[in-house]
Amino acid sequence: MLNKITIIGVGLIGGSLAKAIKANKLATVVCGYGRDQLRLEKAKKGNIIDELSTNIGEAIKGADIVVIATPVGTFKQILEDIEPLISEQVIISDVGSTKTNIVKIVNTVLKEKSKCFVPAHPIAGKEKSGFEVSVSDLFEDKKVILTPLENNAPESIKVIHDMWTGLGSEVDYMSSESHDELLGMTSHLPHMLAFSLVNYLVSQNPTASIYAGGGFKDFSRIASGDAVMWRDICLQNKDQIINHIKGYQATLNDLIDAIDEDNSEKLETLFTTAKNTRDSWVG
């Protein structure tokens, strides 16, 4: 069991991570850091964290692991704040949905201390935000992707690997570039489509949602995601997101042509292929 794990940002993911660490007895103390004293006190009262601090130096003091669980746009400032305070013994990680830009920031800000940072991304979440909706089993049977740096010590990678497997997650490894391309397709693009669909609906008919069926509600569910988090993801993974939106636009153009040309065979093929693929994923 580790002595202390500090979580910077006690929201949905940070709060769920804290709960999971406590439930699986991976650390003696889980400390939460944030800027809002009252919310941290509420999280402690709810037994989500053991200790709290709005002083980042105090929060990370004596920590074996520091996990950054804030929107990716905050990473540069956080790393600048902790760089003078950390020793090479501490292991820093994250839960960010982008990796290539984060690695660049880590190398720029932490310099030789960058070897302490082991990037990670749990493929888990909810459309709601805040520690109030955190759960201790959020990461069970979920994928966690590690994108280690070239100068990471194998021992540091193993510590982060073991933390996640200790929470019931399955850990995979890939490069930061591969991560961003993959997640750009499987996570970032669907969110962009959901946000755009809801905004399109409102722009066409503000009352149309009254008549929206289950299919629309299922498809648009992720549009309830945290706006700041998704803003930052767009800015950090812009090239991949733009590329995949353009690729998706091309498939919509094919669909438009098939409908416009009354091409029933092509339409049936498109829908059958998609149905069979989807069924194979969930079957």
C-alpha atoms as a PDB file:
ATOM      1  CA  MET A   1       0.000   0.000   0.000  1.00  0.00           C
ATOM      2  CA  LEU A   2       1.260   3.461  -0.912  1.00  0.00           C
ATOM      3  CA  ASN A   3       1.453   6.140   1.741  1.00  0.00           C
ATOM      4  CA  LYS A   4      -0.232   9.031  -0.088  1.00  0.00           C
ATOM      5  CA  ILE A   5      -1.829   9.741  -3.443  1.00  0.00           C
ATOM      6  CA  THR A   6      -2.749  13.333  -4.277  1.00  0.00           C
ATOM      7  CA  ILE A   7      -5.451  14.086  -6.825  1.00  0.00           C
ATOM      8  CA  ILE A   8      -5.434  17.525  -8.405  1.00  0.00           C
ATOM      9  CA  GLY A   9      -9.022  18.218  -9.383  1.00  0.00           C
ATOM     10  CA  VAL A  10     -11.753  16.382  -7.475  1.00  0.00           C
ATOM     11  CA  GLY A  11     -14.475  16.199 -10.127  1.00  0.00           C
ATOM     12  CA  LEU A  12     -16.154  13.184 -11.706  1.00  0.00           C
ATOM     13  CA  ILE A  13     -12.943  11.415 -12.721  1.00  0.00           C
ATOM     14  CA  GLY A  14     -10.818  12.674  -9.828  1.00  0.00           C
ATOM     15  CA  GLY A  15     -13.553  11.895  -7.321  1.00  0.00           C
ATOM     16  CA  SER A  16     -14.158   8.446  -8.786  1.00  0.00           C
ATOM     17  CA  LEU A  17     -10.419   7.765  -8.723  1.00  0.00           C
ATOM     18  CA  ALA A  18     -10.262   8.815  -5.066  1.00  0.00           C
ATOM     19  CA  LYS A  19     -13.194   6.565  -4.192  1.00  0.00           C
ATOM     20  CA  ALA A  20     -11.692   3.639  -6.105  1.00  0.00           C
ATOM     21  CA  ILE A  21      -8.288   4.031  -4.452  1.00  0.00           C
ATOM     22  CA  LYS A  22      -9.916   4.076  -1.030  1.00  0.00           C
ATOM     23  CA  ALA A  23     -12.243   1.161  -1.816  1.00  0.00           C
ATOM     24  CA  ASN A  24      -9.333  -0.958  -3.038  1.00  0.00           C
ATOM     25  CA  LYS A  25      -7.009   0.167  -0.219  1.00  0.00           C
ATOM     26  CA  LEU A  26      -4.228   1.275  -2.570  1.00  0.00           C
ATOM     27  CA  ALA A  27      -3.070   4.164  -0.365  1.00  0.00           C
ATOM     28  CA  THR A  28      -3.185   5.128   3.286  1.00  0.00           C
ATOM     29  CA  VAL A  29      -4.172   8.718   2.467  1.00  0.00           C
ATOM     30  CA  VAL A  30      -5.940  10.232  -0.534  1.00  0.00           C
ATOM     31  CA  CYS A  31      -5.498  13.995  -0.652  1.00  0.00           C
ATOM     32  CA  GLY A  32      -7.601  16.257  -2.844  1.00  0.00           C
ATOM     33  CA  TYR A  33      -6.379  19.593  -4.191  1.00  0.00           C
ATOM     34  CA  GLY A  34      -8.537  22.322  -5.700  1.00  0.00           C
ATOM     35  CA  ARG A  35      -9.287  26.017  -5.557  1.00  0.00           C
ATOM     36  CA  ASP A  36     -12.704  25.762  -3.881  1.00  0.00           C
ATOM     37  CA  GLN A  37     -12.321  25.122  -0.158  1.00  0.00           C
ATOM     38  CA  LEU A  38     -16.051  24.552   0.393  1.00  0.00           C
ATOM     39  CA  ARG A  39     -16.308  21.915  -2.332  1.00  0.00           C
ATOM     40  CA  LEU A  40     -13.221  20.135  -1.057  1.00  0.00           C
ATOM     41  CA  GLU A  41     -14.707  20.101   2.434  1.00  0.00           C
ATOM     42  CA  LYS A  42     -17.909  18.641   0.994  1.00  0.00           C
ATOM     43  CA  ALA A  43     -15.880  15.933  -0.771  1.00  0.00           C
ATOM     44  CA  LYS A  44     -14.087  15.098   2.464  1.00  0.00           C
ATOM     45  CA  LYS A  45     -17.341  15.009   4.400  1.00  0.00           C
ATOM     46  CA  GLY A  46     -18.641  12.591   1.784  1.00  0.00           C
ATOM     47  CA  ASN A  47     -15.617  10.341   2.425  1.00  0.00           C
ATOM     48  CA  ILE A  48     -14.364  10.838  -1.128  1.00  0.00           C
ATOM     49  CA  ILE A  49     -10.984  12.137   0.052  1.00  0.00           C
ATOM     50  CA  ASP A  50      -9.119  11.858   3.369  1.00  0.00           C
ATOM     51  CA  GLU A  51      -7.306  15.186   3.285  1.00  0.00           C
ATOM     52  CA  LEU A  52      -7.744  18.447   1.394  1.00  0.00           C
ATOM     53  CA  SER A  53      -5.769  21.550   0.576  1.00  0.00           C
ATOM     54  CA  THR A  54      -6.042  24.640  -1.588  1.00  0.00           C
ATOM     55  CA  ASN A  55      -2.248  24.998  -1.323  1.00  0.00           C
ATOM     56  CA  ILE A  56      -0.661  22.898  -4.038  1.00  0.00           C
ATOM     57  CA  GLY A  57       2.666  22.576  -2.235  1.00  0.00           C
ATOM     58  CA  GLU A  58       0.935  21.298   0.872  1.00  0.00           C
ATOM     59  CA  ALA A  59      -1.229  18.938  -1.166  1.00  0.00           C
ATOM     60  CA  ILE A  60       1.646  17.195  -2.965  1.00  0.00           C
ATOM     61  CA  LYS A  61       4.041  17.109   0.000  1.00  0.00           C
ATOM     62  CA  GLY A  62       4.936  13.506   0.802  1.00  0.00           C
ATOM     63  CA  ALA A  63       2.855  12.099  -2.062  1.00  0.00           C
ATOM     64  CA  ASP A  64       3.999   8.919  -3.796  1.00  0.00           C
ATOM     65  CA  ILE A  65       1.752   9.652  -6.781  1.00  0.00           C
ATOM     66  CA  VAL A  66       0.226  12.926  -7.990  1.00  0.00           C
ATOM     67  CA  VAL A  67      -2.604  12.569 -10.504  1.00  0.00           C
ATOM     68  CA  ILE A  68      -3.736  15.606 -12.492  1.00  0.00           C
ATOM     69  CA  ALA A  69      -7.486  15.263 -13.091  1.00  0.00           C
ATOM     70  CA  THR A  70      -8.361  18.740 -14.343  1.00  0.00           C
ATOM     71  CA  PRO A  71      -9.246  19.866 -17.906  1.00  0.00           C
ATOM     72  CA  VAL A  72      -6.229  19.479 -20.199  1.00  0.00           C
ATOM     73  CA  GLY A  73      -6.068  23.223 -20.774  1.00  0.00           C
ATOM     74  CA  THR A  74      -4.958  23.694 -17.152  1.00  0.00           C
ATOM     75  CA  PHE A  75      -1.969  21.355 -17.309  1.00  0.00           C
ATOM     76  CA  LYS A  76       0.685  23.899 -18.234  1.00  0.00           C
ATOM     77  CA  GLN A  77      -0.096  26.144 -15.264  1.00  0.00           C
ATOM     78  CA  ILE A  78      -0.347  23.214 -12.860  1.00  0.00           C
ATOM     79  CA  LEU A  79       2.984  21.781 -13.993  1.00  0.00           C
ATOM     80  CA  GLU A  80       4.618  25.205 -13.695  1.00  0.00           C
ATOM     81  CA  ASP A  81       3.273  25.442 -10.143  1.00  0.00           C
ATOM     82  CA  ILE A  82       4.536  22.048  -9.022  1.00  0.00           C
ATOM     83  CA  GLU A  83       7.846  21.893 -10.908  1.00  0.00           C
ATOM     84  CA  PRO A  84       9.877  23.653  -8.172  1.00  0.00           C
ATOM     85  CA  LEU A  85       8.162  21.588  -5.487  1.00  0.00           C
ATOM     86  CA  ILE A  86       8.628  18.025  -6.695  1.00  0.00           C
ATOM     87  CA  SER A  87      11.496  15.638  -6.201  1.00  0.00           C
ATOM     88  CA  GLU A  88      12.497  12.991  -8.714  1.00  0.00           C
ATOM     89  CA  GLN A  89      11.033  10.367  -6.392  1.00  0.00           C
ATOM     90  CA  VAL A  90       7.409  11.381  -6.904  1.00  0.00           C
ATOM     91  CA  ILE A  91       5.478   9.930  -9.847  1.00  0.00           C
ATOM     92  CA  ILE A  92       3.111  12.268 -11.670  1.00  0.00           C
ATOM     93  CA  SER A  93       0.351  11.059 -13.958  1.00  0.00           C
ATOM     94  CA  ASP A  94      -2.917  12.278 -15.407  1.00  0.00           C
ATOM     95  CA  VAL A  95      -6.292  11.222 -16.777  1.00  0.00           C
ATOM     96  CA  GLY A  96      -6.337  13.574 -19.767  1.00  0.00           C
ATOM     97  CA  SER A  97      -8.166  12.740 -22.998  1.00  0.00           C
ATOM     98  CA  THR A  98      -5.339  14.072 -25.183  1.00  0.00           C
ATOM     99  CA  LYS A  99      -1.720  13.065 -25.029  1.00  0.00           C
ATOM    100  CA  THR A 100       0.578  14.499 -27.721  1.00  0.00           C
ATOM    101  CA  ASN A 101       0.212  18.107 -26.641  1.00  0.00           C
ATOM    102  CA  ILE A 102       0.393  17.154 -22.971  1.00  0.00           C
ATOM    103  CA  VAL A 103       3.696  15.357 -23.582  1.00  0.00           C
ATOM    104  CA  LYS A 104       5.065  18.504 -25.255  1.00  0.00           C
ATOM    105  CA  ILE A 105       3.989  20.609 -22.279  1.00  0.00           C
ATOM    106  CA  VAL A 106       5.503  18.116 -19.821  1.00  0.00           C
ATOM    107  CA  ASN A 107       8.848  18.102 -21.619  1.00  0.00           C
ATOM    108  CA  THR A 108       8.897  21.908 -21.883  1.00  0.00           C
ATOM    109  CA  VAL A 109       7.903  22.668 -18.288  1.00  0.00           C
ATOM    110  CA  LEU A 110       9.396  19.797 -16.301  1.00  0.00           C
ATOM    111  CA  LYS A 111      12.551  19.415 -18.413  1.00  0.00           C
ATOM    112  CA  GLU A 112      14.755  16.795 -16.721  1.00  0.00           C
ATOM    113  CA  LYS A 113      11.974  16.082 -14.226  1.00  0.00           C
ATOM    114  CA  SER A 114       9.749  14.973 -17.108  1.00  0.00           C
ATOM    115  CA  LYS A 115      10.880  11.406 -16.435  1.00  0.00           C
ATOM    116  CA  CYS A 116       8.598  11.532 -13.382  1.00  0.00           C
ATOM    117  CA  PHE A 117       5.491  11.984 -15.571  1.00  0.00           C
ATOM    118  CA  VAL A 118       3.720   8.854 -16.849  1.00  0.00           C
ATOM    119  CA  PRO A 119       0.796   9.868 -19.103  1.00  0.00           C
ATOM    120  CA  ALA A 120      -2.441   7.896 -18.722  1.00  0.00           C
ATOM    121  CA  HIS A 121      -6.011   8.027 -19.953  1.00  0.00           C
ATOM    122  CA  PRO A 122      -8.829   5.915 -18.488  1.00  0.00           C
ATOM    123  CA  ILE A 123     -11.519   5.309 -21.118  1.00  0.00           C
ATOM    124  CA  ALA A 124     -14.351   5.897 -18.696  1.00  0.00           C
ATOM    125  CA  GLY A 125     -16.702   8.679 -17.753  1.00  0.00           C
ATOM    126  CA  LYS A 126     -20.233   9.998 -17.655  1.00  0.00           C
ATOM    127  CA  GLU A 127     -22.049  12.838 -19.334  1.00  0.00           C
ATOM    128  CA  LYS A 128     -22.448  14.501 -15.928  1.00  0.00           C
ATOM    129  CA  SER A 129     -19.631  16.263 -14.085  1.00  0.00           C
ATOM    130  CA  GLY A 130     -18.663  16.883 -10.467  1.00  0.00           C
ATOM    131  CA  PHE A 131     -17.668  14.611  -7.598  1.00  0.00           C
ATOM    132  CA  GLU A 132     -21.333  14.350  -6.654  1.00  0.00           C
ATOM    133  CA  VAL A 133     -21.775  11.792  -9.453  1.00  0.00           C
ATOM    134  CA  SER A 134     -18.461   9.995  -8.825  1.00  0.00           C
ATOM    135  CA  VAL A 135     -18.522   6.226  -8.266  1.00  0.00           C
ATOM    136  CA  SER A 136     -15.918   3.821  -6.960  1.00  0.00           C
ATOM    137  CA  ASP A 137     -16.403   1.278  -9.770  1.00  0.00           C
ATOM    138  CA  LEU A 138     -16.130   3.703 -12.706  1.00  0.00           C
ATOM    139  CA  PHE A 139     -12.882   2.127 -13.918  1.00  0.00           C
ATOM    140  CA  GLU A 140     -13.722  -1.535 -13.402  1.00  0.00           C
ATOM    141  CA  ASP A 141     -13.378  -3.538 -16.628  1.00  0.00           C
ATOM    142  CA  LYS A 142     -12.490  -0.351 -18.506  1.00  0.00           C
ATOM    143  CA  LYS A 143      -9.466   0.295 -20.710  1.00  0.00           C
ATOM    144  CA  VAL A 144      -6.703   2.589 -19.500  1.00  0.00           C
ATOM    145  CA  ILE A 145      -4.149   3.715 -22.074  1.00  0.00           C
ATOM    146  CA  LEU A 146      -0.606   4.528 -20.962  1.00  0.00           C
ATOM    147  CA  THR A 147       1.634   6.488 -23.331  1.00  0.00           C
ATOM    148  CA  PRO A 148       4.984   6.397 -21.519  1.00  0.00           C
ATOM    149  CA  LEU A 149       7.765   8.866 -22.237  1.00  0.00           C
ATOM    150  CA  GLU A 150      11.091   7.605 -23.542  1.00  0.00           C
ATOM    151  CA  ASN A 151      12.829   8.646 -20.332  1.00  0.00           C
ATOM    152  CA  ASN A 152      10.296   7.102 -17.926  1.00  0.00           C
ATOM    153  CA  ALA A 153      11.869   4.615 -15.557  1.00  0.00           C
ATOM    154  CA  PRO A 154      10.318   1.135 -15.912  1.00  0.00           C
ATOM    155  CA  GLU A 155       9.637   1.204 -12.166  1.00  0.00           C
ATOM    156  CA  SER A 156       7.567   4.386 -12.497  1.00  0.00           C
ATOM    157  CA  ILE A 157       5.543   2.938 -15.365  1.00  0.00           C
ATOM    158  CA  LYS A 158       4.884  -0.177 -13.295  1.00  0.00           C
ATOM    159  CA  VAL A 159       3.604   1.881 -10.350  1.00  0.00           C
ATOM    160  CA  ILE A 160       1.005   3.596 -12.545  1.00  0.00           C
ATOM    161  CA  HIS A 161       0.200   0.319 -14.317  1.00  0.00           C
ATOM    162  CA  ASP A 162      -0.352  -1.409 -10.986  1.00  0.00           C
ATOM    163  CA  MET A 163      -2.498   1.449  -9.670  1.00  0.00           C
ATOM    164  CA  TRP A 164      -4.924   1.062 -12.551  1.00  0.00           C
ATOM    165  CA  THR A 165      -4.980  -2.734 -12.567  1.00  0.00           C
ATOM    166  CA  GLY A 166      -5.562  -2.517  -8.825  1.00  0.00           C
ATOM    167  CA  LEU A 167      -8.756  -0.615  -9.622  1.00  0.00           C
ATOM    168  CA  GLY A 168      -9.946  -3.353 -11.979  1.00  0.00           C
ATOM    169  CA  SER A 169      -8.858  -1.683 -15.236  1.00  0.00           C
ATOM    170  CA  GLU A 170      -7.200  -3.263 -18.266  1.00  0.00           C
ATOM    171  CA  VAL A 171      -4.057  -1.366 -19.232  1.00  0.00           C
ATOM    172  CA  ASP A 172      -2.898  -0.959 -22.838  1.00  0.00           C
ATOM    173  CA  TYR A 173       0.166   0.866 -24.180  1.00  0.00           C
ATOM    174  CA  MET A 174       0.568   3.045 -27.258  1.00  0.00           C
ATOM    175  CA  SER A 175       2.304   6.185 -28.463  1.00  0.00           C
ATOM    176  CA  SER A 176       0.778   9.562 -27.698  1.00  0.00           C
ATOM    177  CA  GLU A 177       0.214  10.105 -31.435  1.00  0.00           C
ATOM    178  CA  SER A 178      -1.615   6.794 -31.828  1.00  0.00           C
ATOM    179  CA  HIS A 179      -3.708   7.606 -28.777  1.00  0.00           C
ATOM    180  CA  ASP A 180      -4.810  10.961 -30.153  1.00  0.00           C
ATOM    181  CA  GLU A 181      -5.663   9.551 -33.563  1.00  0.00           C
ATOM    182  CA  LEU A 182      -7.663   6.680 -32.058  1.00  0.00           C
ATOM    183  CA  LEU A 183      -9.510   8.771 -29.486  1.00  0.00           C
ATOM    184  CA  GLY A 184     -10.092  11.452 -32.093  1.00  0.00           C
ATOM    185  CA  MET A 185     -12.262   8.876 -33.900  1.00  0.00           C
ATOM    186  CA  THR A 186     -13.856   6.936 -31.073  1.00  0.00           C
ATOM    187  CA  SER A 187     -14.465   9.684 -28.509  1.00  0.00           C
ATOM    188  CA  HIS A 188     -13.793  13.211 -29.712  1.00  0.00           C
ATOM    189  CA  LEU A 189     -15.655  12.945 -33.040  1.00  0.00           C
ATOM    190  CA  PRO A 190     -18.859  11.495 -31.518  1.00  0.00           C
ATOM    191  CA  HIS A 191     -18.932  14.301 -28.977  1.00  0.00           C
ATOM    192  CA  MET A 192     -18.536  16.902 -31.719  1.00  0.00           C
ATOM    193  CA  LEU A 193     -21.441  15.314 -33.603  1.00  0.00           C
ATOM    194  CA  ALA A 194     -23.638  15.270 -30.505  1.00  0.00           C
ATOM    195  CA  PHE A 195     -22.936  18.913 -29.664  1.00  0.00           C
ATOM    196  CA  SER A 196     -23.593  19.953 -33.256  1.00  0.00           C
ATOM    197  CA  LEU A 197     -26.788  17.899 -33.533  1.00  0.00           C
ATOM    198  CA  VAL A 198     -28.333  19.474 -30.437  1.00  0.00           C
ATOM    199  CA  ASN A 199     -27.378  22.970 -31.571  1.00  0.00           C
ATOM    200  CA  TYR A 200     -28.773  22.257 -35.059  1.00  0.00           C
ATOM    201  CA  LEU A 201     -32.061  21.043 -33.607  1.00  0.00           C
ATOM    202  CA  VAL A 202     -32.455  24.163 -31.478  1.00  0.00           C
ATOM    203  CA  SER A 203     -31.555  26.455 -34.373  1.00  0.00           C
ATOM    204  CA  GLN A 204     -34.206  24.857 -36.588  1.00  0.00           C
ATOM    205  CA  ASN A 205     -36.999  24.519 -34.052  1.00  0.00           C
ATOM    206  CA  PRO A 206     -36.501  25.300 -30.351  1.00  0.00           C
ATOM    207  CA  THR A 207     -39.538  23.202 -29.419  1.00  0.00           C
ATOM    208  CA  ALA A 208     -38.573  20.142 -31.475  1.00  0.00           C
ATOM    209  CA  SER A 209     -37.055  18.382 -28.471  1.00  0.00           C
ATOM    210  CA  ILE A 210     -40.562  17.830 -27.119  1.00  0.00           C
ATOM    211  CA  TYR A 211     -41.061  15.292 -29.894  1.00  0.00           C
ATOM    212  CA  ALA A 212     -37.592  13.741 -29.778  1.00  0.00           C
ATOM    213  CA  GLY A 213     -37.716   9.980 -29.334  1.00  0.00           C
ATOM    214  CA  GLY A 214     -35.409   7.559 -27.609  1.00  0.00           C
ATOM    215  CA  GLY A 215     -33.002   7.445 -30.540  1.00  0.00           C
ATOM    216  CA  PHE A 216     -32.335  11.157 -30.368  1.00  0.00           C
ATOM    217  CA  LYS A 217     -31.938  11.038 -26.601  1.00  0.00           C
ATOM    218  CA  ASP A 218     -29.474   8.147 -26.864  1.00  0.00           C
ATOM    219  CA  PHE A 219     -27.447   9.843 -29.589  1.00  0.00           C
ATOM    220  CA  SER A 220     -27.396  13.265 -27.932  1.00  0.00           C
ATOM    221  CA  ARG A 221     -26.700  12.055 -24.371  1.00  0.00           C
ATOM    222  CA  ILE A 222     -23.002  12.904 -24.524  1.00  0.00           C
ATOM    223  CA  ALA A 223     -23.809  16.490 -25.463  1.00  0.00           C
ATOM    224  CA  SER A 224     -24.348  16.943 -21.711  1.00  0.00           C
ATOM    225  CA  GLY A 225     -20.571  16.655 -21.260  1.00  0.00           C
ATOM    226  CA  ASP A 226     -18.587  19.363 -19.525  1.00  0.00           C
ATOM    227  CA  ALA A 227     -18.161  22.330 -21.894  1.00  0.00           C
ATOM    228  CA  VAL A 228     -14.779  23.468 -20.546  1.00  0.00           C
ATOM    229  CA  MET A 229     -13.310  19.986 -20.758  1.00  0.00           C
ATOM    230  CA  TRP A 230     -14.421  19.542 -24.370  1.00  0.00           C
ATOM    231  CA  ARG A 231     -13.293  23.023 -25.338  1.00  0.00           C
ATOM    232  CA  ASP A 232      -9.804  22.146 -24.127  1.00  0.00           C
ATOM    233  CA  ILE A 233      -9.830  18.759 -25.862  1.00  0.00           C
ATOM    234  CA  CYS A 234     -10.678  20.455 -29.165  1.00  0.00           C
ATOM    235  CA  LEU A 235      -7.827  22.906 -28.806  1.00  0.00           C
ATOM    236  CA  GLN A 236      -5.333  20.213 -27.788  1.00  0.00           C
ATOM    237  CA  ASN A 237      -6.263  17.620 -30.407  1.00  0.00           C
ATOM    238  CA  LYS A 238      -7.397  20.016 -33.129  1.00  0.00           C
ATOM    239  CA  ASP A 239      -5.632  18.390 -36.095  1.00  0.00           C
ATOM    240  CA  GLN A 240      -7.052  14.928 -35.464  1.00  0.00           C
ATOM    241  CA  ILE A 241     -10.537  16.230 -34.677  1.00  0.00           C
ATOM    242  CA  ILE A 242     -10.669  18.395 -37.791  1.00  0.00           C
ATOM    243  CA  ASN A 243      -9.369  15.516 -39.900  1.00  0.00           C
ATOM    244  CA  HIS A 244     -12.045  13.133 -38.626  1.00  0.00           C
ATOM    245  CA  ILE A 245     -14.847  15.705 -38.973  1.00  0.00           C
ATOM    246  CA  LYS A 246     -13.829  16.157 -42.620  1.00  0.00           C
ATOM    247  CA  GLY A 247     -13.765  12.393 -43.084  1.00  0.00           C
ATOM    248  CA  TYR A 248     -17.222  12.127 -41.574  1.00  0.00           C
ATOM    249  CA  GLN A 249     -18.460  14.930 -43.832  1.00  0.00           C
ATOM    250  CA  ALA A 250     -17.384  12.822 -46.809  1.00  0.00           C
ATOM    251  CA  THR A 251     -19.541   9.915 -45.608  1.00  0.00           C
ATOM    252  CA  LEU A 252     -22.496  12.297 -45.209  1.00  0.00           C
ATOM    253  CA  ASN A 253     -21.982  13.465 -48.786  1.00  0.00           C
ATOM    254  CA  ASP A 254     -22.137   9.841 -49.938  1.00  0.00           C
ATOM    255  CA  LEU A 255     -25.357   9.425 -48.007  1.00  0.00           C
ATOM    256  CA  ILE A 256     -26.820  12.604 -49.512  1.00  0.00           C
ATOM    257  CA  ASP A 257     -26.000  11.335 -53.010  1.00  0.00           C
ATOM    258  CA  ALA A 258     -27.572   7.943 -52.348  1.00  0.00           C
ATOM    259  CA  ILE A 259     -30.795   9.509 -51.067  1.00  0.00           C
ATOM    260  CA  ASP A 260     -30.914  12.125 -53.811  1.00  0.00           C
ATOM    261  CA  GLU A 261     -30.425   9.471 -56.491  1.00  0.00           C
ATOM    262  CA  ASP A 262     -33.052   7.135 -54.972  1.00  0.00           C
ATOM    263  CA  ASN A 263     -30.305   4.520 -54.754  1.00  0.00           C
ATOM    264  CA  SER A 264     -32.107   2.012 -52.560  1.00  0.00           C
ATOM    265  CA  GLU A 265     -29.408  -0.645 -52.987  1.00  0.00           C
ATOM    266  CA  LYS A 266     -26.652   1.669 -51.780  1.00  0.00           C
ATOM    267  CA  LEU A 267     -28.766   2.888 -48.866  1.00  0.00           C
ATOM    268  CA  GLU A 268     -29.542  -0.648 -47.756  1.00  0.00           C
ATOM    269  CA  THR A 269     -25.871  -1.600 -48.030  1.00  0.00           C
ATOM    270  CA  LEU A 270     -24.811   1.421 -45.955  1.00  0.00           C
ATOM    271  CA  PHE A 271     -27.343   0.690 -43.231  1.00  0.00           C
ATOM    272  CA  THR A 272     -26.752  -3.069 -43.197  1.00  0.00           C
ATOM    273  CA  THR A 273     -22.987  -2.640 -42.939  1.00  0.00           C
ATOM    274  CA  ALA A 274     -23.376  -0.206 -40.041  1.00  0.00           C
ATOM    275  CA  LYS A 275     -25.909  -2.445 -38.282  1.00  0.00           C
ATOM    276  CA  ASN A 276     -23.757  -5.563 -38.586  1.00  0.00           C
ATOM    277  CA  THR A 277     -20.685  -3.707 -37.361  1.00  0.00           C
ATOM    278  CA  ARG A 278     -22.525  -2.221 -34.375  1.00  0.00           C
ATOM    279  CA  ASP A 279     -24.113  -5.552 -33.509  1.00  0.00           C
ATOM    280  CA  SER A 280     -20.722  -7.266 -33.554  1.00  0.00           C
ATOM    281  CA  TRP A 281     -19.398  -4.727 -31.033  1.00  0.00           C
ATOM    282  CA  VAL A 282     -22.193  -5.157 -28.496  1.00  0.00           C
ATOM    283  CA  GLY A 283     -23.198  -8.707 -29.222  1.00  0.00           C
END
